[in-house]
Amino acid sequence: MSSDARPRVVIRRATPEDSAACGLICYQAFSAISGAHNFPCDLPGPEAAIGLLSSMFSAPGLYSLVAECDGRVAGSNCLDERAVIRGVGPITVDPAVQNSGVGRGLMDAALDRARQSEAAGVRLVQAAFHNRSFSLYTSLGFDVREPLACLQGQLTPTTISGCEVRDAAVSDLDACDELSLRMHGFDRRVELARAIERGVACVVERDGRITGYTSGLGFFGHTTCESNLDMQALIAAAAGEAPAKQRGIP
C-alpha cells in the first residue's frame, strides 16, 4: 500500500463487544504469519482467539486498545499494568491492512500509556521469524533480552523427590513476592493474586519453605523458581491439571 493511500487510523479503548471482530483478526494474523514460515499457529481456531480477547478486554489491570481503519476494526493490542514492568500483547493487525501504520499506532498508544503511568519498563515476546514486527519493536526502542523457546507436548505425570506442590493461597503472597524480588528485582503480586482467586496458581515447597510458584504454565502465566528442580516439580504436577489451569489465562 503506497503512503498516499494509507487509511485513516484511529486508536481507542477496547470493549468486550469488540472481542468477536478482534478475535477473528487475531487468529487470522497469527495463522498467516505462522503458516508463511511453516510453524503451527499458537491458537487452534477463531473461537480460541475470541475467548482469549474477551477475557483480556474485561480483565482488571489490562489496558486494551482497538485500531479502526476508516471506521472498521483493524487490530488490537493489550498492555498488562499489573506489575511495575508492563507487558505488551497480543498485538495483531488485519492482514489486509498490515504495513499501513496500524501496528505502530497500537504500539505508540500502549507505550504512551506506560510512560504516563511512569512504568519502570515494558516487556514483550516476539516470534523470531517475524522480521517485520522485530523491526517495529527495535525502532520503538526495545532491546533483545533473552531467547524464549515454546515447547508443546504431553506431560508425563511424576513427582520430584523433596518437592511438594500444592495450590497457592492468599497467605502465600508475601513469600512469593519475596522470591520474585530476590530473583527478578520486582514482584508480580497483582497477577498472582488474580491467579489464586481463579484457582490456577500453585507453589512448590522444599524444606518447609516456598521455593517456586506459578500463576499458570503457559503463554499467559508466569513462573518464578529458585532452581531447575523447583521448576521441574511444578511442570510435573501440571501433567494432571486441566488445560485452563496450565495456561493461566488472565
Protein backbone atom coordinates (compact mmCIF):
# COMPACT_ATOMS: atom_id res chain seq x y z
CA MET A 1 0.00 0.00 0.00
CA SER A 2 1.53 3.32 -1.00
CA SER A 3 2.00 6.02 1.64
CA ASP A 4 -0.55 8.34 0.00
CA ALA A 5 -3.18 5.58 0.07
CA ARG A 6 -2.85 4.78 3.74
CA PRO A 7 -6.17 4.62 5.60
CA ARG A 8 -7.04 6.90 8.48
CA VAL A 9 -6.18 5.04 11.69
CA VAL A 10 -8.00 5.77 14.97
CA ILE A 11 -6.90 4.14 18.24
CA ARG A 12 -9.46 3.78 21.02
CA ARG A 13 -10.09 1.75 24.18
CA ALA A 14 -11.36 -1.78 23.58
CA THR A 15 -14.66 -3.03 24.98
CA PRO A 16 -15.92 -6.61 25.45
CA GLU A 17 -18.14 -6.04 22.42
CA ASP A 18 -15.00 -5.78 20.26
CA SER A 19 -13.95 -9.33 21.13
CA ALA A 20 -15.55 -11.08 18.16
CA ALA A 21 -14.07 -8.81 15.48
CA CYS A 22 -10.69 -8.52 17.18
CA GLY A 23 -10.54 -12.24 17.95
CA LEU A 24 -11.09 -13.15 14.32
CA ILE A 25 -8.34 -10.73 13.26
CA CYS A 26 -6.06 -12.12 15.98
CA TYR A 27 -6.45 -15.66 14.67
CA GLN A 28 -6.07 -14.63 11.02
CA ALA A 29 -2.91 -12.62 11.74
CA PHE A 30 -1.19 -15.32 13.79
CA SER A 31 -2.29 -18.06 11.40
CA ALA A 32 -1.00 -16.16 8.36
CA ILE A 33 2.47 -15.37 9.73
CA SER A 34 2.92 -18.83 11.28
CA GLY A 35 1.79 -20.56 8.09
CA ALA A 36 4.13 -18.46 5.97
CA HIS A 37 7.07 -19.85 7.97
CA ASN A 38 5.73 -23.41 8.35
CA PHE A 39 5.04 -23.09 12.06
CA PRO A 40 1.82 -24.23 13.75
CA CYS A 41 -0.47 -21.42 14.87
CA ASP A 42 -0.45 -20.77 18.61
CA LEU A 43 -4.25 -20.52 18.50
CA PRO A 44 -6.25 -23.61 17.48
CA GLY A 45 -9.04 -21.59 15.86
CA PRO A 46 -11.00 -18.32 15.80
CA GLU A 47 -13.10 -19.34 18.81
CA ALA A 48 -9.98 -19.63 20.98
CA ALA A 49 -8.79 -16.18 19.92
CA ILE A 50 -12.20 -14.63 20.56
CA GLY A 51 -12.36 -16.23 24.01
CA LEU A 52 -8.85 -15.04 24.84
CA LEU A 53 -9.51 -11.41 23.89
CA SER A 54 -12.92 -11.46 25.56
CA SER A 55 -11.14 -12.41 28.78
CA MET A 56 -8.40 -9.83 28.33
CA PHE A 57 -10.68 -6.97 27.30
CA SER A 58 -12.65 -7.38 30.53
CA ALA A 59 -9.83 -8.32 32.93
CA PRO A 60 -8.89 -5.77 35.61
CA GLY A 61 -5.39 -4.39 35.25
CA LEU A 62 -5.25 -4.68 31.46
CA TYR A 63 -5.39 -1.60 29.24
CA SER A 64 -6.79 -2.85 25.93
CA LEU A 65 -6.83 -0.95 22.63
CA VAL A 66 -8.55 -1.27 19.26
CA ALA A 67 -7.44 0.23 15.96
CA GLU A 68 -10.00 1.32 13.36
CA CYS A 69 -9.21 2.00 9.72
CA ASP A 70 -11.81 4.18 8.02
CA GLY A 71 -14.31 3.17 10.70
CA ARG A 72 -13.64 -0.59 10.53
CA VAL A 73 -11.91 -2.62 13.27
CA ALA A 74 -8.39 -3.44 12.03
CA GLY A 75 -6.49 -4.75 15.04
CA SER A 76 -5.95 -4.69 18.77
CA ASN A 77 -3.31 -4.56 21.49
CA CYS A 78 -3.20 -5.04 25.27
CA LEU A 79 -0.98 -3.51 27.95
CA ASP A 80 -0.72 -5.52 31.17
CA GLU A 81 -0.44 -2.99 34.01
CA ARG A 82 -0.42 -5.44 36.92
CA ALA A 83 3.30 -5.01 37.68
CA VAL A 84 5.86 -2.21 37.59
CA ILE A 85 7.20 -3.79 34.39
CA ARG A 86 4.34 -3.54 31.90
CA GLY A 87 3.64 -6.31 29.39
CA VAL A 88 2.52 -5.78 25.77
CA GLY A 89 0.46 -8.19 23.69
CA PRO A 90 -1.00 -9.87 21.93
CA ILE A 91 -0.86 -7.21 19.24
CA THR A 92 -2.45 -8.21 15.93
CA VAL A 93 -3.40 -6.40 12.74
CA ASP A 94 -5.78 -7.43 9.96
CA PRO A 95 -3.57 -8.92 7.21
CA ALA A 96 -5.45 -6.79 4.67
CA VAL A 97 -4.12 -3.55 6.19
CA GLN A 98 -0.72 -4.59 7.53
CA ASN A 99 2.24 -2.31 6.71
CA SER A 100 -0.04 0.73 6.79
CA GLY A 101 0.81 2.10 10.24
CA VAL A 102 -1.82 0.25 12.28
CA GLY A 103 0.68 -1.77 14.31
CA ARG A 104 2.82 1.28 15.04
CA GLY A 105 -0.25 3.23 16.12
CA LEU A 106 -1.27 0.47 18.54
CA MET A 107 2.25 0.27 19.95
CA ASP A 108 2.63 4.04 20.27
CA ALA A 109 -0.64 4.22 22.23
CA ALA A 110 0.41 1.43 24.58
CA LEU A 111 3.85 2.95 25.19
CA ASP A 112 2.34 6.41 25.75
CA ARG A 113 0.13 4.87 28.42
CA ALA A 114 3.15 3.19 30.05
CA ARG A 115 5.08 6.46 30.10
CA GLN A 116 2.13 8.37 31.56
CA SER A 117 1.83 5.85 34.38
CA GLU A 118 5.62 6.03 35.00
CA ALA A 119 6.15 2.30 34.42
CA ALA A 120 9.61 1.02 35.32
CA GLY A 121 9.82 -0.74 31.94
CA VAL A 122 7.90 -2.57 29.22
CA ARG A 123 8.40 -6.15 28.03
CA LEU A 124 7.03 -8.23 25.18
CA VAL A 125 7.58 -11.57 23.44
CA GLN A 126 8.34 -11.56 19.71
CA ALA A 127 8.38 -14.52 17.31
CA ALA A 128 11.92 -14.68 15.92
CA PHE A 129 10.76 -15.49 12.39
CA HIS A 130 8.59 -12.36 12.15
CA ASN A 131 11.10 -9.82 10.82
CA ARG A 132 8.57 -7.03 10.30
CA SER A 133 7.45 -6.98 13.93
CA PHE A 134 11.09 -7.23 15.05
CA SER A 135 11.91 -4.13 13.00
CA LEU A 136 8.94 -2.28 14.50
CA TYR A 137 9.84 -3.12 18.09
CA THR A 138 13.52 -2.24 17.73
CA SER A 139 12.60 1.08 16.09
CA LEU A 140 10.45 1.83 19.15
CA GLY A 141 13.39 1.29 21.50
CA PHE A 142 13.05 -2.35 22.56
CA ASP A 143 16.21 -4.42 23.14
CA VAL A 144 16.56 -8.18 22.81
CA ARG A 145 17.00 -9.62 26.31
CA GLU A 146 16.57 -13.41 26.27
CA PRO A 147 15.64 -16.17 23.82
CA LEU A 148 12.39 -17.95 24.63
CA ALA A 149 11.52 -21.46 23.49
CA CYS A 150 7.91 -22.57 23.06
CA LEU A 151 7.61 -26.27 23.88
CA GLN A 152 4.40 -28.22 23.32
CA GLY A 153 3.62 -31.84 24.08
CA GLN A 154 2.16 -34.33 26.51
CA LEU A 155 3.35 -34.02 30.10
CA THR A 156 4.35 -37.17 31.97
CA PRO A 157 2.86 -37.32 35.49
CA THR A 158 5.62 -37.80 38.04
CA THR A 159 6.87 -36.45 41.35
CA ILE A 160 10.15 -34.79 42.24
CA SER A 161 11.74 -36.05 45.42
CA GLY A 162 11.87 -33.46 48.17
CA CYS A 163 9.38 -31.12 46.50
CA GLU A 164 5.75 -30.65 47.48
CA VAL A 165 3.42 -28.88 45.04
CA ARG A 166 0.08 -27.52 46.21
CA ASP A 167 -2.50 -24.90 45.27
CA ALA A 168 -1.41 -21.39 46.18
CA ALA A 169 -3.30 -19.45 48.85
CA VAL A 170 -3.60 -15.74 49.64
CA SER A 171 -1.38 -16.35 52.67
CA ASP A 172 1.44 -17.31 50.27
CA LEU A 173 1.58 -13.90 48.56
CA ASP A 174 4.25 -12.37 50.78
CA ALA A 175 6.59 -15.33 50.39
CA CYS A 176 6.07 -15.35 46.61
CA ASP A 177 6.70 -11.60 46.46
CA GLU A 178 9.97 -12.07 48.34
CA LEU A 179 11.02 -14.81 45.94
CA SER A 180 10.19 -12.70 42.87
CA LEU A 181 12.03 -9.68 44.26
CA ARG A 182 15.07 -11.84 45.00
CA MET A 183 15.12 -13.48 41.57
CA HIS A 184 13.99 -10.61 39.30
CA GLY A 185 14.06 -7.36 41.26
CA PHE A 186 10.30 -6.77 41.25
CA ASP A 187 7.16 -8.63 42.25
CA ARG A 188 4.05 -9.58 40.26
CA ARG A 189 1.67 -9.67 43.20
CA VAL A 190 -1.45 -8.47 41.40
CA GLU A 191 -1.14 -11.14 38.69
CA LEU A 192 -0.52 -13.87 41.24
CA ALA A 193 -3.42 -12.73 43.44
CA ARG A 194 -5.71 -12.89 40.40
CA ALA A 195 -4.47 -16.41 39.60
CA ILE A 196 -5.05 -17.50 43.21
CA GLU A 197 -8.56 -16.08 43.05
CA ARG A 198 -9.22 -18.08 39.87
CA GLY A 199 -7.76 -21.25 41.41
CA VAL A 200 -4.96 -21.68 38.84
CA ALA A 201 -1.86 -20.79 40.90
CA CYS A 202 0.46 -23.32 42.55
CA VAL A 203 3.51 -23.19 44.82
CA VAL A 204 6.32 -25.67 45.38
CA GLU A 205 7.88 -26.13 48.79
CA ARG A 206 11.22 -27.64 49.81
CA ASP A 207 12.44 -27.92 53.40
CA GLY A 208 9.26 -26.26 54.63
CA ARG A 209 9.50 -23.05 52.60
CA ILE A 210 8.21 -21.80 49.25
CA THR A 211 10.91 -22.14 46.60
CA GLY A 212 8.80 -21.56 43.49
CA TYR A 213 5.37 -20.60 42.25
CA THR A 214 3.37 -20.34 39.04
CA SER A 215 0.32 -18.36 38.00
CA GLY A 216 -0.10 -20.82 35.11
CA LEU A 217 2.37 -22.75 32.95
CA GLY A 218 1.79 -21.23 29.53
CA PHE A 219 1.69 -18.07 27.45
CA PHE A 220 -0.43 -16.09 29.88
CA GLY A 221 1.06 -17.18 33.17
CA HIS A 222 4.43 -16.60 34.78
CA THR A 223 6.62 -18.83 36.93
CA THR A 224 9.43 -17.98 39.33
CA CYS A 225 11.68 -20.59 40.96
CA GLU A 226 14.90 -20.81 42.91
CA SER A 227 16.18 -23.78 40.91
CA ASN A 228 15.52 -26.08 37.97
CA LEU A 229 14.38 -28.70 40.48
CA ASP A 230 11.51 -26.47 41.61
CA MET A 231 10.54 -25.78 38.01
CA GLN A 232 10.57 -29.49 37.23
CA ALA A 233 8.26 -30.13 40.18
CA LEU A 234 5.73 -27.53 39.00
CA ILE A 235 5.78 -28.87 35.43
CA ALA A 236 5.43 -32.46 36.60
CA ALA A 237 2.49 -31.54 38.84
CA ALA A 238 0.77 -29.76 35.94
CA ALA A 239 0.54 -33.02 33.98
CA GLY A 240 -2.69 -33.91 35.74
CA GLU A 241 -4.23 -30.44 35.61
CA ALA A 242 -6.93 -29.13 33.30
CA PRO A 243 -5.67 -27.13 30.26
CA ALA A 244 -7.11 -23.85 31.61
CA LYS A 245 -5.06 -24.22 34.77
CA GLN A 246 -1.92 -24.94 32.76
CA ARG A 247 -2.36 -21.88 30.53
CA GLY A 248 -3.10 -19.36 33.28
CA ILE A 249 -5.33 -17.16 31.07
CA PRO A 250 -5.97 -13.74 32.72
